[in-house]
């Protein structure tokens, strides 16, 4: 599969929303419309965030959303790859890898000390790719909900 990785653009909003809906469905969750609208705004306007999309001849087939933030363990920011999604029809065709590699390139360009992300333990398809591109840590996530 040939897909071009490029920055998310304001004109991508309708196609991005379709992908976002697929992503939320995959994780069996829903978000209020105002949260989705604010997420898109941040990805376009807030310099702490950045997004890449995978553009194929048939349209957008994936995205990566990232957030740069300061940390107490390094002088340089970390890059948190918060959301990564590729439509089912093209999974396994290299799109996820290309998106992650584009995140690595942007993190390097901005001088980030680390790129990291999380996924659901049961997301075995994605984890096969992640195991090739990064090191799994022993940290367990806790959160107040």
Protein backbone atom coordinates (compact mmCIF):
# COMPACT_ATOMS: atom_id res chain seq x y z
CA UNK A 1 0.00 0.00 0.00
CA UNK A 2 1.26 3.42 -0.88
CA UNK A 3 0.31 6.20 1.48
CA UNK A 4 1.82 9.63 1.86
CA UNK A 5 2.37 10.81 5.42
CA UNK A 6 1.72 14.52 5.83
CA UNK A 7 0.59 17.05 8.45
CA UNK A 8 -3.10 17.20 9.28
CA UNK A 9 -4.75 20.19 7.55
CA UNK A 10 -7.88 22.13 8.43
CA UNK A 11 -9.51 20.88 5.20
CA UNK A 12 -9.08 17.29 6.45
CA UNK A 13 -11.63 17.72 9.22
CA UNK A 14 -14.50 15.68 7.66
CA UNK A 15 -12.19 12.77 6.74
CA UNK A 16 -10.37 13.05 10.08
CA UNK A 17 -13.69 12.87 11.92
CA UNK A 18 -14.55 9.63 10.12
CA UNK A 19 -11.20 8.16 11.21
CA UNK A 20 -11.66 9.53 14.74
CA UNK A 21 -15.07 7.84 14.95
CA UNK A 22 -13.46 4.56 13.85
CA UNK A 23 -10.75 4.97 16.48
CA UNK A 24 -13.27 5.64 19.25
CA UNK A 25 -15.34 2.66 18.11
CA UNK A 26 -12.23 0.45 18.17
CA UNK A 27 -11.68 1.44 21.82
CA UNK A 28 -15.40 1.11 22.57
CA UNK A 29 -15.79 4.66 23.78
CA UNK A 30 -17.67 7.84 22.97
CA UNK A 31 -16.77 11.49 23.41
CA UNK A 32 -18.94 14.57 23.47
CA UNK A 33 -18.96 16.65 20.28
CA UNK A 34 -17.29 19.58 22.05
CA UNK A 35 -14.35 17.32 23.03
CA UNK A 36 -13.93 16.16 19.44
CA UNK A 37 -14.09 19.74 18.17
CA UNK A 38 -11.52 20.86 20.74
CA UNK A 39 -9.25 17.93 19.89
CA UNK A 40 -9.23 18.88 16.22
CA UNK A 41 -8.63 22.55 17.07
CA UNK A 42 -5.66 21.67 19.25
CA UNK A 43 -4.16 19.40 16.61
CA UNK A 44 -4.33 22.26 14.09
CA UNK A 45 -3.62 25.33 16.24
CA UNK A 46 -1.76 24.40 19.44
CA UNK A 47 2.01 24.16 18.96
CA UNK A 48 2.32 21.57 21.74
CA UNK A 49 0.32 19.16 19.58
CA UNK A 50 0.95 17.80 16.13
CA UNK A 51 -0.79 15.32 13.91
CA UNK A 52 0.15 13.32 10.86
CA UNK A 53 -2.25 11.63 8.49
CA UNK A 54 -1.76 8.85 5.98
CA UNK A 55 -3.12 9.93 2.60
CA UNK A 56 -3.88 7.15 0.12
CA UNK A 57 -5.51 7.49 -3.30
CA UNK A 58 -8.88 6.61 -1.75
CA UNK A 59 -8.53 9.20 1.04
CA UNK A 60 -7.21 9.33 4.59
CA UNK A 61 -6.46 5.89 6.00
CA UNK A 62 -4.77 6.68 9.31
CA UNK A 63 -3.51 9.26 11.78
CA UNK A 64 -1.04 9.86 14.59
CA UNK A 65 -1.69 12.50 17.26
CA UNK A 66 1.16 13.66 19.48
CA UNK A 67 1.78 16.00 22.37
CA UNK A 68 5.13 17.49 23.38
CA UNK A 69 5.53 18.18 27.08
CA UNK A 70 8.26 19.07 29.58
CA UNK A 71 9.40 16.43 32.05
CA UNK A 72 11.38 16.31 35.26
CA UNK A 73 13.75 13.61 33.98
CA UNK A 74 15.28 15.44 31.03
CA UNK A 75 16.00 18.95 29.79
CA UNK A 76 14.27 18.29 26.48
CA UNK A 77 10.56 17.61 26.07
CA UNK A 78 9.09 14.15 25.65
CA UNK A 79 6.79 13.34 22.75
CA UNK A 80 3.69 11.41 23.73
CA UNK A 81 2.11 9.58 20.80
CA UNK A 82 -1.40 9.73 22.21
CA UNK A 83 -3.46 8.30 19.36
CA UNK A 84 -2.49 6.07 16.45
CA UNK A 85 -5.11 4.65 14.13
CA UNK A 86 -5.12 2.90 10.76
CA UNK A 87 -8.32 1.69 9.12
CA UNK A 88 -8.75 -2.07 9.19
CA UNK A 89 -8.63 -2.45 5.40
CA UNK A 90 -4.96 -1.38 5.27
CA UNK A 91 -3.61 -2.71 8.57
CA UNK A 92 -0.45 -4.71 8.06
CA UNK A 93 0.45 -2.80 4.89
CA UNK A 94 3.06 -0.50 6.47
CA UNK A 95 0.88 2.53 7.20
CA UNK A 96 1.22 2.28 10.99
CA UNK A 97 4.99 1.93 10.67
CA UNK A 98 5.15 4.96 8.37
CA UNK A 99 3.09 7.04 10.81
CA UNK A 100 5.33 6.08 13.76
CA UNK A 101 8.45 6.80 11.74
CA UNK A 102 7.02 10.24 10.88
CA UNK A 103 6.47 10.84 14.60
CA UNK A 104 10.08 9.84 15.28
CA UNK A 105 11.26 12.27 12.59
CA UNK A 106 9.26 15.17 14.04
CA UNK A 107 10.43 14.33 17.57
CA UNK A 108 14.02 14.35 16.34
CA UNK A 109 13.46 17.63 14.52
CA UNK A 110 12.15 19.19 17.74
CA UNK A 111 14.92 17.66 19.87
CA UNK A 112 12.64 15.48 22.01
CA UNK A 113 14.40 13.32 24.57
CA UNK A 114 11.90 10.48 24.18
CA UNK A 115 8.90 9.26 22.21
CA UNK A 116 6.47 7.05 24.09
CA UNK A 117 2.96 5.67 23.87
CA UNK A 118 0.55 3.20 25.42
CA UNK A 119 -1.84 0.68 23.98
CA UNK A 120 -4.38 -1.72 25.31
CA UNK A 121 -2.85 -5.01 26.43
CA UNK A 122 -5.17 -6.93 24.13
CA UNK A 123 -4.26 -4.91 21.03
CA UNK A 124 -2.08 -7.75 19.74
CA UNK A 125 -2.03 -6.69 16.09
CA UNK A 126 -0.62 -3.26 16.91
CA UNK A 127 1.70 -4.66 19.56
CA UNK A 128 3.44 -6.86 16.99
CA UNK A 129 4.44 -3.68 15.15
CA UNK A 130 5.28 -1.76 18.32
CA UNK A 131 7.59 -4.55 19.49
CA UNK A 132 9.63 -3.99 16.31
CA UNK A 133 9.82 -0.20 16.64
CA UNK A 134 10.20 0.45 20.37
CA UNK A 135 10.98 -1.13 23.73
CA UNK A 136 8.10 -2.21 25.97
CA UNK A 137 8.56 -1.00 29.54
CA UNK A 138 7.47 -2.56 32.81
CA UNK A 139 5.44 0.45 33.91
CA UNK A 140 1.78 0.01 34.83
CA UNK A 141 -0.63 2.90 34.34
CA UNK A 142 -2.75 4.12 37.24
CA UNK A 143 -5.34 6.83 36.90
CA UNK A 144 -7.99 8.63 38.82
CA UNK A 145 -11.20 8.62 36.82
